[in-house]
PDB file of all heavy atoms in Angstrom:
ATOM      1  N   ASN A   1      92.884 -60.231 132.894  1.00  0.00           N
ATOM      2  CA  ASN A   1      94.228 -59.639 132.961  1.00  0.00           C
ATOM      3  C   ASN A   1      95.152 -60.138 131.850  1.00  0.00           C
ATOM      4  O   ASN A   1      96.327 -60.440 132.075  1.00  0.00           O
ATOM      5  CB  ASN A   1      94.865 -59.890 134.328  1.00  0.00           C
ATOM      6  CG  ASN A   1      94.152 -59.130 135.435  1.00  0.00           C
ATOM      7  OD1 ASN A   1      93.693 -58.003 135.217  1.00  0.00           O
ATOM      8  ND2 ASN A   1      94.034 -59.729 136.602  1.00  0.00           N
ATOM      9  N   THR A   2      94.597 -60.249 130.662  1.00  0.00           N
ATOM     10  CA  THR A   2      95.365 -60.570 129.462  1.00  0.00           C
ATOM     11  C   THR A   2      95.162 -59.453 128.447  1.00  0.00           C
ATOM     12  O   THR A   2      94.190 -58.686 128.549  1.00  0.00           O
ATOM     13  CB  THR A   2      94.907 -61.905 128.853  1.00  0.00           C
ATOM     14  OG1 THR A   2      93.500 -61.813 128.548  1.00  0.00           O
ATOM     15  CG2 THR A   2      95.142 -63.054 129.823  1.00  0.00           C
ATOM     16  N   PRO A   3      96.061 -59.309 127.449  1.00  0.00           N
ATOM     17  CA  PRO A   3      95.851 -58.285 126.420  1.00  0.00           C
ATOM     18  C   PRO A   3      94.560 -58.567 125.649  1.00  0.00           C
ATOM     19  O   PRO A   3      94.235 -59.727 125.381  1.00  0.00           O
ATOM     20  CB  PRO A   3      97.073 -58.442 125.509  1.00  0.00           C
ATOM     21  CG  PRO A   3      98.104 -59.087 126.363  1.00  0.00           C
ATOM     22  CD  PRO A   3      97.349 -60.006 127.285  1.00  0.00           C
ATOM     23  N   ILE A   4      93.852 -57.527 125.285  1.00  0.00           N
ATOM     24  CA  ILE A   4      92.615 -57.725 124.538  1.00  0.00           C
ATOM     25  C   ILE A   4      92.933 -58.210 123.127  1.00  0.00           C
ATOM     26  O   ILE A   4      94.028 -57.986 122.609  1.00  0.00           O
ATOM     27  CB  ILE A   4      91.758 -56.443 124.483  1.00  0.00           C
ATOM     28  CG1 ILE A   4      92.401 -55.405 123.562  1.00  0.00           C
ATOM     29  CG2 ILE A   4      91.501 -55.874 125.850  1.00  0.00           C
ATOM     30  CD1 ILE A   4      91.457 -54.284 123.182  1.00  0.00           C
ATOM     31  N   SER A   5      91.967 -58.848 122.516  1.00  0.00           N
ATOM     32  CA  SER A   5      92.155 -59.404 121.176  1.00  0.00           C
ATOM     33  C   SER A   5      92.125 -58.303 120.124  1.00  0.00           C
ATOM     34  O   SER A   5      91.441 -57.282 120.277  1.00  0.00           O
ATOM     35  CB  SER A   5      91.051 -60.418 120.889  1.00  0.00           C
ATOM     36  OG  SER A   5      91.003 -60.737 119.511  1.00  0.00           O
ATOM     37  N   ASP A   6      92.874 -58.555 119.045  1.00  0.00           N
ATOM     38  CA  ASP A   6      92.843 -57.627 117.916  1.00  0.00           C
ATOM     39  C   ASP A   6      91.446 -57.542 117.311  1.00  0.00           C
ATOM     40  O   ASP A   6      91.065 -56.526 116.732  1.00  0.00           O
ATOM     41  CB  ASP A   6      93.853 -58.087 116.855  1.00  0.00           C
ATOM     42  CG  ASP A   6      94.142 -57.007 115.831  1.00  0.00           C
ATOM     43  OD1 ASP A   6      94.162 -55.822 116.195  1.00  0.00           O
ATOM     44  OD2 ASP A   6      94.336 -57.350 114.655  1.00  0.00           O
ATOM     45  N   MET A   7      90.667 -58.615 117.452  1.00  0.00           N
ATOM     46  CA  MET A   7      89.305 -58.625 116.914  1.00  0.00           C
ATOM     47  C   MET A   7      88.411 -57.626 117.620  1.00  0.00           C
ATOM     48  O   MET A   7      87.404 -57.179 117.064  1.00  0.00           O
ATOM     49  CB  MET A   7      88.707 -60.039 117.033  1.00  0.00           C
ATOM     50  CG  MET A   7      89.244 -61.016 116.012  1.00  0.00           C
ATOM     51  SD  MET A   7      89.053 -60.434 114.305  1.00  0.00           S
ATOM     52  CE  MET A   7      87.269 -60.280 114.186  1.00  0.00           C
ATOM     53  N   THR A   8      88.757 -57.241 118.851  1.00  0.00           N
ATOM     54  CA  THR A   8      87.979 -56.226 119.560  1.00  0.00           C
ATOM     55  C   THR A   8      88.026 -54.901 118.809  1.00  0.00           C
ATOM     56  O   THR A   8      87.010 -54.214 118.656  1.00  0.00           O
ATOM     57  CB  THR A   8      88.521 -56.041 120.988  1.00  0.00           C
ATOM     58  OG1 THR A   8      88.496 -57.295 121.667  1.00  0.00           O
ATOM     59  CG2 THR A   8      87.688 -55.031 121.760  1.00  0.00           C
ATOM     60  N   LEU A   9      89.212 -54.550 118.328  1.00  0.00           N
ATOM     61  CA  LEU A   9      89.360 -53.305 117.558  1.00  0.00           C
ATOM     62  C   LEU A   9      88.698 -53.438 116.189  1.00  0.00           C
ATOM     63  O   LEU A   9      88.067 -52.497 115.704  1.00  0.00           O
ATOM     64  CB  LEU A   9      90.835 -52.957 117.404  1.00  0.00           C
ATOM     65  CG  LEU A   9      91.646 -52.810 118.699  1.00  0.00           C
ATOM     66  CD1 LEU A   9      93.052 -52.324 118.379  1.00  0.00           C
ATOM     67  CD2 LEU A   9      90.965 -51.858 119.659  1.00  0.00           C
ATOM     68  N   THR A  10      88.860 -54.613 115.579  1.00  0.00           N
ATOM     69  CA  THR A  10      88.235 -54.848 114.276  1.00  0.00           C
ATOM     70  C   THR A  10      86.721 -54.705 114.374  1.00  0.00           C
ATOM     71  O   THR A  10      86.086 -54.079 113.519  1.00  0.00           O
ATOM     72  CB  THR A  10      88.601 -56.252 113.756  1.00  0.00           C
ATOM     73  OG1 THR A  10      90.017 -56.348 113.639  1.00  0.00           O
ATOM     74  CG2 THR A  10      87.957 -56.522 112.406  1.00  0.00           C
ATOM     75  N   LYS A  11      86.133 -55.266 115.430  1.00  0.00           N
ATOM     76  CA  LYS A  11      84.680 -55.186 115.623  1.00  0.00           C
ATOM     77  C   LYS A  11      84.241 -53.743 115.831  1.00  0.00           C
ATOM     78  O   LYS A  11      83.218 -53.299 115.290  1.00  0.00           O
ATOM     79  CB  LYS A  11      84.259 -56.032 116.822  1.00  0.00           C
ATOM     80  CG  LYS A  11      82.748 -56.077 117.044  1.00  0.00           C
ATOM     81  CD  LYS A  11      82.407 -56.967 118.220  1.00  0.00           C
ATOM     82  CE  LYS A  11      80.892 -57.086 118.389  1.00  0.00           C
ATOM     83  NZ  LYS A  11      80.243 -55.777 118.615  1.00  0.00           N
ATOM     84  N   ALA A  12      85.027 -52.986 116.605  1.00  0.00           N
ATOM     85  CA  ALA A  12      84.677 -51.589 116.850  1.00  0.00           C
ATOM     86  C   ALA A  12      84.659 -50.793 115.546  1.00  0.00           C
ATOM     87  O   ALA A  12      83.750 -49.981 115.307  1.00  0.00           O
ATOM     88  CB  ALA A  12      85.654 -50.969 117.836  1.00  0.00           C
ATOM     89  N   LEU A  13      85.653 -51.028 114.696  1.00  0.00           N
ATOM     90  CA  LEU A  13      85.716 -50.326 113.413  1.00  0.00           C
ATOM     91  C   LEU A  13      84.566 -50.748 112.500  1.00  0.00           C
ATOM     92  O   LEU A  13      83.994 -49.917 111.784  1.00  0.00           O
ATOM     93  CB  LEU A  13      87.062 -50.595 112.739  1.00  0.00           C
ATOM     94  CG  LEU A  13      88.281 -49.970 113.458  1.00  0.00           C
ATOM     95  CD1 LEU A  13      89.578 -50.544 112.916  1.00  0.00           C
ATOM     96  CD2 LEU A  13      88.267 -48.452 113.305  1.00  0.00           C
ATOM     97  N   ARG A  14      84.222 -52.032 112.541  1.00  0.00           N
ATOM     98  CA  ARG A  14      83.099 -52.504 111.728  1.00  0.00           C
ATOM     99  C   ARG A  14      81.777 -51.947 112.231  1.00  0.00           C
ATOM    100  O   ARG A  14      80.918 -51.532 111.442  1.00  0.00           O
ATOM    101  CB  ARG A  14      83.059 -54.030 111.738  1.00  0.00           C
ATOM    102  CG  ARG A  14      84.164 -54.680 110.920  1.00  0.00           C
ATOM    103  CD  ARG A  14      84.137 -56.187 111.085  1.00  0.00           C
ATOM    104  NE  ARG A  14      85.189 -56.826 110.300  1.00  0.00           N
ATOM    105  CZ  ARG A  14      85.515 -58.119 110.384  1.00  0.00           C
ATOM    106  NH1 ARG A  14      84.842 -58.912 111.240  1.00  0.00           N
ATOM    107  NH2 ARG A  14      86.474 -58.618 109.641  1.00  0.00           N
ATOM    108  N   ASP A  15      81.610 -51.951 113.558  1.00  0.00           N
ATOM    109  CA  ASP A  15      80.354 -51.457 114.137  1.00  0.00           C
ATOM    110  C   ASP A  15      80.105 -50.001 113.776  1.00  0.00           C
ATOM    111  O   ASP A  15      78.958 -49.587 113.585  1.00  0.00           O
ATOM    112  CB  ASP A  15      80.378 -51.618 115.659  1.00  0.00           C
ATOM    113  CG  ASP A  15      80.278 -53.072 116.098  1.00  0.00           C
ATOM    114  OD1 ASP A  15      79.942 -53.917 115.233  1.00  0.00           O
ATOM    115  OD2 ASP A  15      80.548 -53.360 117.272  1.00  0.00           O
ATOM    116  N   HIS A  16      81.203 -49.235 113.684  1.00  0.00           N
ATOM    117  CA  HIS A  16      81.062 -47.807 113.379  1.00  0.00           C
ATOM    118  C   HIS A  16      81.280 -47.508 111.894  1.00  0.00           C
ATOM    119  O   HIS A  16      81.359 -46.347 111.501  1.00  0.00           O
ATOM    120  CB  HIS A  16      82.039 -46.997 114.230  1.00  0.00           C
ATOM    121  CG  HIS A  16      81.716 -47.024 115.698  1.00  0.00           C
ATOM    122  ND1 HIS A  16      80.637 -46.350 116.243  1.00  0.00           N
ATOM    123  CD2 HIS A  16      82.306 -47.679 116.731  1.00  0.00           C
ATOM    124  CE1 HIS A  16      80.598 -46.562 117.549  1.00  0.00           C
ATOM    125  NE2 HIS A  16      81.600 -47.365 117.875  1.00  0.00           N
ATOM    126  N   LYS A  17      81.391 -48.598 111.099  1.00  0.00           N
ATOM    127  CA  LYS A  17      81.510 -48.464 109.640  1.00  0.00           C
ATOM    128  C   LYS A  17      82.607 -47.458 109.254  1.00  0.00           C
ATOM    129  O   LYS A  17      82.396 -46.534 108.470  1.00  0.00           O
ATOM    130  CB  LYS A  17      80.170 -48.038 109.026  1.00  0.00           C
ATOM    131  CG  LYS A  17      79.074 -49.083 109.222  1.00  0.00           C
ATOM    132  CD  LYS A  17      77.770 -48.628 108.583  1.00  0.00           C
ATOM    133  CE  LYS A  17      76.714 -49.729 108.626  1.00  0.00           C
ATOM    134  NZ  LYS A  17      76.403 -50.193 109.976  1.00  0.00           N
ATOM    135  N   ALA A  18      83.779 -47.669 109.842  1.00  0.00           N
ATOM    136  CA  ALA A  18      84.917 -46.788 109.553  1.00  0.00           C
ATOM    137  C   ALA A  18      85.358 -46.969 108.104  1.00  0.00           C
ATOM    138  O   ALA A  18      85.891 -48.018 107.733  1.00  0.00           O
ATOM    139  CB  ALA A  18      86.073 -47.110 110.504  1.00  0.00           C
ATOM    140  N   GLN A  19      85.148 -45.967 107.287  1.00  0.00           N
ATOM    141  CA  GLN A  19      85.430 -46.062 105.862  1.00  0.00           C
ATOM    142  C   GLN A  19      86.925 -46.036 105.569  1.00  0.00           C
ATOM    143  O   GLN A  19      87.689 -45.303 106.202  1.00  0.00           O
ATOM    144  CB  GLN A  19      84.745 -44.913 105.110  1.00  0.00           C
ATOM    145  CG  GLN A  19      83.223 -44.969 105.161  1.00  0.00           C
ATOM    146  CD  GLN A  19      82.687 -46.266 104.550  1.00  0.00           C
ATOM    147  OE1 GLN A  19      83.046 -46.620 103.426  1.00  0.00           O
ATOM    148  NE2 GLN A  19      81.839 -46.963 105.294  1.00  0.00           N
ATOM    149  N   SER A  20      87.346 -46.835 104.588  1.00  0.00           N
ATOM    150  CA  SER A  20      88.746 -46.875 104.194  1.00  0.00           C
ATOM    151  C   SER A  20      88.909 -46.291 102.795  1.00  0.00           C
ATOM    152  O   SER A  20      87.942 -45.877 102.154  1.00  0.00           O
ATOM    153  CB  SER A  20      89.257 -48.326 104.207  1.00  0.00           C
ATOM    154  OG  SER A  20      88.755 -49.041 103.080  1.00  0.00           O
ATOM    155  N   ASP A  21      90.154 -46.312 102.317  1.00  0.00           N
ATOM    156  CA  ASP A  21      90.438 -45.813 100.973  1.00  0.00           C
ATOM    157  C   ASP A  21      90.142 -46.861  99.903  1.00  0.00           C
ATOM    158  O   ASP A  21      90.346 -46.612  98.715  1.00  0.00           O
ATOM    159  CB  ASP A  21      91.902 -45.362 100.865  1.00  0.00           C
ATOM    160  CG  ASP A  21      92.876 -46.459 101.330  1.00  0.00           C
ATOM    161  OD1 ASP A  21      92.394 -47.536 101.750  1.00  0.00           O
ATOM    162  OD2 ASP A  21      94.089 -46.223 101.292  1.00  0.00           O
ATOM    163  N   ILE A  22      89.670 -48.037 100.331  1.00  0.00           N
ATOM    164  CA  ILE A  22      89.277 -49.088  99.391  1.00  0.00           C
ATOM    165  C   ILE A  22      87.753 -49.196  99.415  1.00  0.00           C
ATOM    166  O   ILE A  22      87.183 -49.475 100.476  1.00  0.00           O
ATOM    167  CB  ILE A  22      89.904 -50.445  99.760  1.00  0.00           C
ATOM    168  CG1 ILE A  22      91.440 -50.340  99.764  1.00  0.00           C
ATOM    169  CG2 ILE A  22      89.449 -51.534  98.803  1.00  0.00           C
ATOM    170  CD1 ILE A  22      92.142 -51.601 100.223  1.00  0.00           C
ATOM    171  N   PRO A  23      87.087 -48.951  98.308  1.00  0.00           N
ATOM    172  CA  PRO A  23      85.621 -48.995  98.287  1.00  0.00           C
ATOM    173  C   PRO A  23      85.082 -50.301  98.861  1.00  0.00           C
ATOM    174  O   PRO A  23      85.607 -51.377  98.601  1.00  0.00           O
ATOM    175  CB  PRO A  23      85.297 -48.873  96.784  1.00  0.00           C
ATOM    176  CG  PRO A  23      86.471 -48.174  96.201  1.00  0.00           C
ATOM    177  CD  PRO A  23      87.655 -48.647  96.991  1.00  0.00           C
ATOM    178  N   SER A  24      84.054 -50.185  99.660  1.00  0.00           N
ATOM    179  CA  SER A  24      83.341 -51.305 100.281  1.00  0.00           C
ATOM    180  C   SER A  24      84.178 -52.045 101.331  1.00  0.00           C
ATOM    181  O   SER A  24      83.768 -53.095 101.802  1.00  0.00           O
ATOM    182  CB  SER A  24      82.859 -52.317  99.223  1.00  0.00           C
ATOM    183  OG  SER A  24      83.940 -53.082  98.710  1.00  0.00           O
ATOM    184  N   ARG A  25      85.357 -51.509 101.701  1.00  0.00           N
ATOM    185  CA  ARG A  25      86.176 -52.151 102.741  1.00  0.00           C
ATOM    186  C   ARG A  25      86.230 -51.260 103.977  1.00  0.00           C
ATOM    187  O   ARG A  25      86.402 -50.037 103.862  1.00  0.00           O
ATOM    188  CB  ARG A  25      87.605 -52.403 102.242  1.00  0.00           C
ATOM    189  CG  ARG A  25      87.716 -53.398 101.087  1.00  0.00           C
ATOM    190  CD  ARG A  25      87.462 -54.825 101.531  1.00  0.00           C
ATOM    191  NE  ARG A  25      88.364 -55.267 102.578  1.00  0.00           N
ATOM    192  CZ  ARG A  25      89.597 -55.729 102.362  1.00  0.00           C
ATOM    193  NH1 ARG A  25      90.082 -55.785 101.125  1.00  0.00           N
ATOM    194  NH2 ARG A  25      90.335 -56.148 103.372  1.00  0.00           N
ATOM    195  N   ILE A  26      86.096 -51.873 105.145  1.00  0.00           N
ATOM    196  CA  ILE A  26      86.189 -51.142 106.404  1.00  0.00           C
ATOM    197  C   ILE A  26      87.660 -50.945 106.761  1.00  0.00           C
ATOM    198  O   ILE A  26      88.497 -51.829 106.549  1.00  0.00           O
ATOM    199  CB  ILE A  26      85.467 -51.914 107.531  1.00  0.00           C
ATOM    200  CG1 ILE A  26      83.973 -52.037 107.213  1.00  0.00           C
ATOM    201  CG2 ILE A  26      85.660 -51.247 108.879  1.00  0.00           C
ATOM    202  CD1 ILE A  26      83.244 -50.716 107.112  1.00  0.00           C
ATOM    203  N   ALA A  27      87.983 -49.780 107.309  1.00  0.00           N
ATOM    204  CA  ALA A  27      89.358 -49.493 107.713  1.00  0.00           C
ATOM    205  C   ALA A  27      89.808 -50.466 108.792  1.00  0.00           C
ATOM    206  O   ALA A  27      89.008 -50.938 109.604  1.00  0.00           O
ATOM    207  CB  ALA A  27      89.460 -48.057 108.226  1.00  0.00           C
ATOM    208  N   THR A  28      91.097 -50.793 108.799  1.00  0.00           N
ATOM    209  CA  THR A  28      91.663 -51.683 109.812  1.00  0.00           C
ATOM    210  C   THR A  28      92.505 -50.887 110.796  1.00  0.00           C
ATOM    211  O   THR A  28      92.954 -49.774 110.496  1.00  0.00           O
ATOM    212  CB  THR A  28      92.552 -52.760 109.164  1.00  0.00           C
ATOM    213  OG1 THR A  28      93.660 -52.104 108.506  1.00  0.00           O
ATOM    214  CG2 THR A  28      91.776 -53.585 108.154  1.00  0.00           C
ATOM    215  N   ALA A  29      92.729 -51.483 111.961  1.00  0.00           N
ATOM    216  CA  ALA A  29      93.557 -50.813 112.965  1.00  0.00           C
ATOM    217  C   ALA A  29      94.971 -50.603 112.437  1.00  0.00           C
ATOM    218  O   ALA A  29      95.560 -49.533 112.600  1.00  0.00           O
ATOM    219  CB  ALA A  29      93.578 -51.645 114.250  1.00  0.00           C
ATOM    220  N   HIS A  30      95.519 -51.620 111.775  1.00  0.00           N
ATOM    221  CA  HIS A  30      96.873 -51.503 111.237  1.00  0.00           C
ATOM    222  C   HIS A  30      96.942 -50.429 110.147  1.00  0.00           C
ATOM    223  O   HIS A  30      97.983 -49.800 109.946  1.00  0.00           O
ATOM    224  CB  HIS A  30      97.334 -52.850 110.666  1.00  0.00           C
ATOM    225  CG  HIS A  30      98.783 -52.883 110.310  1.00  0.00           C
ATOM    226  ND1 HIS A  30      99.774 -53.081 111.247  1.00  0.00           N
ATOM    227  CD2 HIS A  30      99.419 -52.725 109.116  1.00  0.00           C
ATOM    228  CE1 HIS A  30     100.949 -53.045 110.646  1.00  0.00           C
ATOM    229  NE2 HIS A  30     100.765 -52.836 109.358  1.00  0.00           N
ATOM    230  N   GLY A  31      95.817 -50.223 109.450  1.00  0.00           N
ATOM    231  CA  GLY A  31      95.804 -49.248 108.364  1.00  0.00           C
ATOM    232  C   GLY A  31      96.064 -47.833 108.807  1.00  0.00           C
ATOM    233  O   GLY A  31      96.477 -46.981 107.994  1.00  0.00           O
ATOM    234  N   PHE A  32      95.862 -47.521 110.090  1.00  0.00           N
ATOM    235  CA  PHE A  32      96.111 -46.150 110.566  1.00  0.00           C
ATOM    236  C   PHE A  32      97.587 -45.790 110.506  1.00  0.00           C
ATOM    237  O   PHE A  32      97.938 -44.611 110.479  1.00  0.00           O
ATOM    238  CB  PHE A  32      95.575 -45.977 111.995  1.00  0.00           C
ATOM    239  CG  PHE A  32      94.079 -45.815 112.052  1.00  0.00           C
ATOM    240  CD1 PHE A  32      93.289 -46.835 112.540  1.00  0.00           C
ATOM    241  CD2 PHE A  32      93.465 -44.647 111.591  1.00  0.00           C
ATOM    242  CE1 PHE A  32      91.905 -46.703 112.585  1.00  0.00           C
ATOM    243  CE2 PHE A  32      92.084 -44.507 111.630  1.00  0.00           C
ATOM    244  CZ  PHE A  32      91.305 -45.529 112.124  1.00  0.00           C
ATOM    245  N   ARG A  33      98.451 -46.775 110.450  1.00  0.00           N
ATOM    246  CA  ARG A  33      99.878 -46.488 110.249  1.00  0.00           C
ATOM    247  C   ARG A  33     100.111 -45.935 108.848  1.00  0.00           C
ATOM    248  O   ARG A  33     100.902 -44.998 108.657  1.00  0.00           O
ATOM    249  CB  ARG A  33     100.707 -47.759 110.477  1.00  0.00           C
ATOM    250  CG  ARG A  33     100.818 -48.122 111.952  1.00  0.00           C
ATOM    251  CD  ARG A  33     101.336 -49.532 112.179  1.00  0.00           C
ATOM    252  NE  ARG A  33     102.652 -49.781 111.592  1.00  0.00           N
ATOM    253  CZ  ARG A  33     103.810 -49.444 112.133  1.00  0.00           C
ATOM    254  NH1 ARG A  33     103.826 -48.782 113.295  1.00  0.00           N
ATOM    255  NH2 ARG A  33     104.954 -49.745 111.554  1.00  0.00           N
ATOM    256  N   SER A  34      99.405 -46.501 107.872  1.00  0.00           N
ATOM    257  CA  SER A  34      99.489 -45.970 106.505  1.00  0.00           C
ATOM    258  C   SER A  34      98.873 -44.582 106.436  1.00  0.00           C
ATOM    259  O   SER A  34      99.356 -43.709 105.698  1.00  0.00           O
ATOM    260  CB  SER A  34      98.769 -46.906 105.532  1.00  0.00           C
ATOM    261  OG  SER A  34      99.416 -48.156 105.460  1.00  0.00           O
ATOM    262  N   THR A  35      97.799 -44.388 107.193  1.00  0.00           N
ATOM    263  CA  THR A  35      97.150 -43.074 107.236  1.00  0.00           C
ATOM    264  C   THR A  35      98.138 -42.019 107.711  1.00  0.00           C
ATOM    265  O   THR A  35      98.278 -40.945 107.104  1.00  0.00           O
ATOM    266  CB  THR A  35      95.938 -43.113 108.190  1.00  0.00           C
ATOM    267  OG1 THR A  35      95.045 -44.138 107.771  1.00  0.00           O
ATOM    268  CG2 THR A  35      95.211 -41.783 108.200  1.00  0.00           C
ATOM    269  N   PHE A  36      98.839 -42.331 108.802  1.00  0.00           N
ATOM    270  CA  PHE A  36      99.836 -41.397 109.318  1.00  0.00           C
ATOM    271  C   PHE A  36     100.948 -41.178 108.299  1.00  0.00           C
ATOM    272  O   PHE A  36     101.401 -40.039 108.086  1.00  0.00           O
ATOM    273  CB  PHE A  36     100.429 -41.933 110.628  1.00  0.00           C
ATOM    274  CG  PHE A  36     101.725 -41.265 110.997  1.00  0.00           C
ATOM    275  CD1 PHE A  36     101.735 -39.988 111.535  1.00  0.00           C
ATOM    276  CD2 PHE A  36     102.946 -41.904 110.769  1.00  0.00           C
ATOM    277  CE1 PHE A  36     102.941 -39.361 111.849  1.00  0.00           C
ATOM    278  CE2 PHE A  36     104.141 -41.286 111.077  1.00  0.00           C
ATOM    279  CZ  PHE A  36     104.138 -40.009 111.619  1.00  0.00           C
ATOM    280  N   ARG A  37     101.389 -42.257 107.648  1.00  0.00           N
ATOM    281  CA  ARG A  37     102.508 -42.124 106.696  1.00  0.00           C
ATOM    282  C   ARG A  37     102.122 -41.225 105.527  1.00  0.00           C
ATOM    283  O   ARG A  37     102.939 -40.406 105.062  1.00  0.00           O
ATOM    284  CB  ARG A  37     102.902 -43.524 106.193  1.00  0.00           C
ATOM    285  CG  ARG A  37     104.175 -43.525 105.351  1.00  0.00           C
ATOM    286  CD  ARG A  37     105.356 -43.123 106.190  1.00  0.00           C
ATOM    287  NE  ARG A  37     106.585 -43.070 105.419  1.00  0.00           N
ATOM    288  CZ  ARG A  37     106.982 -42.040 104.673  1.00  0.00           C
ATOM    289  NH1 ARG A  37     106.221 -40.952 104.597  1.00  0.00           N
ATOM    290  NH2 ARG A  37     108.131 -42.076 104.023  1.00  0.00           N
ATOM    291  N   ASP A  38     100.873 -41.362 105.057  1.00  0.00           N
ATOM    292  CA  ASP A  38     100.412 -40.495 103.972  1.00  0.00           C
ATOM    293  C   ASP A  38     100.353 -39.039 104.422  1.00  0.00           C
ATOM    294  O   ASP A  38     100.746 -38.127 103.683  1.00  0.00           O
ATOM    295  CB  ASP A  38      99.022 -40.939 103.495  1.00  0.00           C
ATOM    296  CG  ASP A  38      99.071 -42.259 102.740  1.00  0.00           C
ATOM    297  OD1 ASP A  38     100.170 -42.658 102.317  1.00  0.00           O
ATOM    298  OD2 ASP A  38      98.009 -42.884 102.576  1.00  0.00           O
ATOM    299  N   TRP A  39      99.867 -38.822 105.635  1.00  0.00           N
ATOM    300  CA  TRP A  39      99.805 -37.448 106.176  1.00  0.00           C
ATOM    301  C   TRP A  39     101.205 -36.851 106.259  1.00  0.00           C
ATOM    302  O   TRP A  39     101.420 -35.689 105.883  1.00  0.00           O
ATOM    303  CB  TRP A  39      99.157 -37.478 107.563  1.00  0.00           C
ATOM    304  CG  TRP A  39      99.226 -36.154 108.287  1.00  0.00           C
ATOM    305  CD1 TRP A  39      98.333 -35.122 108.199  1.00  0.00           C
ATOM    306  CD2 TRP A  39     100.265 -35.722 109.172  1.00  0.00           C
ATOM    307  NE1 TRP A  39      98.743 -34.075 108.988  1.00  0.00           N
ATOM    308  CE2 TRP A  39      99.936 -34.415 109.605  1.00  0.00           C
ATOM    309  CE3 TRP A  39     101.428 -36.299 109.655  1.00  0.00           C
ATOM    310  CZ2 TRP A  39     100.734 -33.684 110.486  1.00  0.00           C
ATOM    311  CZ3 TRP A  39     102.231 -35.576 110.539  1.00  0.00           C
ATOM    312  CH2 TRP A  39     101.879 -34.294 110.948  1.00  0.00           C
ATOM    313  N   ALA A  40     102.172 -37.631 106.750  1.00  0.00           N
ATOM    314  CA  ALA A  40     103.543 -37.129 106.887  1.00  0.00           C
ATOM    315  C   ALA A  40     104.126 -36.752 105.526  1.00  0.00           C
ATOM    316  O   ALA A  40     104.798 -35.722 105.386  1.00  0.00           O
ATOM    317  CB  ALA A  40     104.412 -38.189 107.567  1.00  0.00           C
TER     318      ALA A  40
END
Protein backbone atom coordinates (compact mmCIF):
# COMPACT_ATOMS: atom_id res chain seq x y z
CA ASN A 1 0.00 0.00 0.00
CA THR A 2 2.74 2.42 -1.01
CA PRO A 3 3.22 4.22 -4.37
CA ILE A 4 5.07 2.06 -6.87
CA SER A 5 8.66 2.94 -7.72
CA ASP A 6 9.57 4.98 -10.77
CA MET A 7 11.92 2.12 -11.67
CA THR A 8 8.86 -0.06 -12.32
CA LEU A 9 7.95 2.15 -15.27
CA THR A 10 11.57 2.40 -16.38
CA LYS A 11 11.85 -1.41 -16.41
CA ALA A 12 8.63 -1.75 -18.39
CA LEU A 13 9.90 0.66 -21.04
CA ARG A 14 13.25 -1.13 -21.19
CA ASP A 15 11.65 -4.57 -21.38
CA HIS A 16 9.57 -3.45 -24.36
CA LYS A 17 12.49 -1.54 -25.93
CA ALA A 18 10.49 1.67 -26.21
CA GLN A 19 12.45 3.68 -28.77
CA SER A 20 13.22 7.35 -28.14
CA ASP A 21 14.29 10.26 -30.32
CA ILE A 22 17.88 9.70 -29.14
CA PRO A 23 19.62 6.82 -30.96
CA SER A 24 20.38 3.82 -28.74
CA ARG A 25 18.43 5.36 -25.80
CA ILE A 26 15.20 3.92 -24.41
CA ALA A 27 12.31 6.35 -23.92
CA THR A 28 11.64 7.49 -20.35
CA ALA A 29 8.34 7.97 -18.58
CA HIS A 30 9.07 11.67 -18.08
CA GLY A 31 9.89 11.97 -21.78
CA PHE A 32 6.23 11.49 -22.72
CA ARG A 33 5.62 15.04 -21.52
CA SER A 34 8.00 16.24 -24.22
CA THR A 35 6.24 13.94 -26.67
CA PHE A 36 2.92 15.61 -25.90
CA ARG A 37 4.48 19.09 -26.09
CA ASP A 38 5.90 18.37 -29.55
CA TRP A 39 2.53 17.05 -30.72
CA ALA A 40 0.77 20.18 -29.42
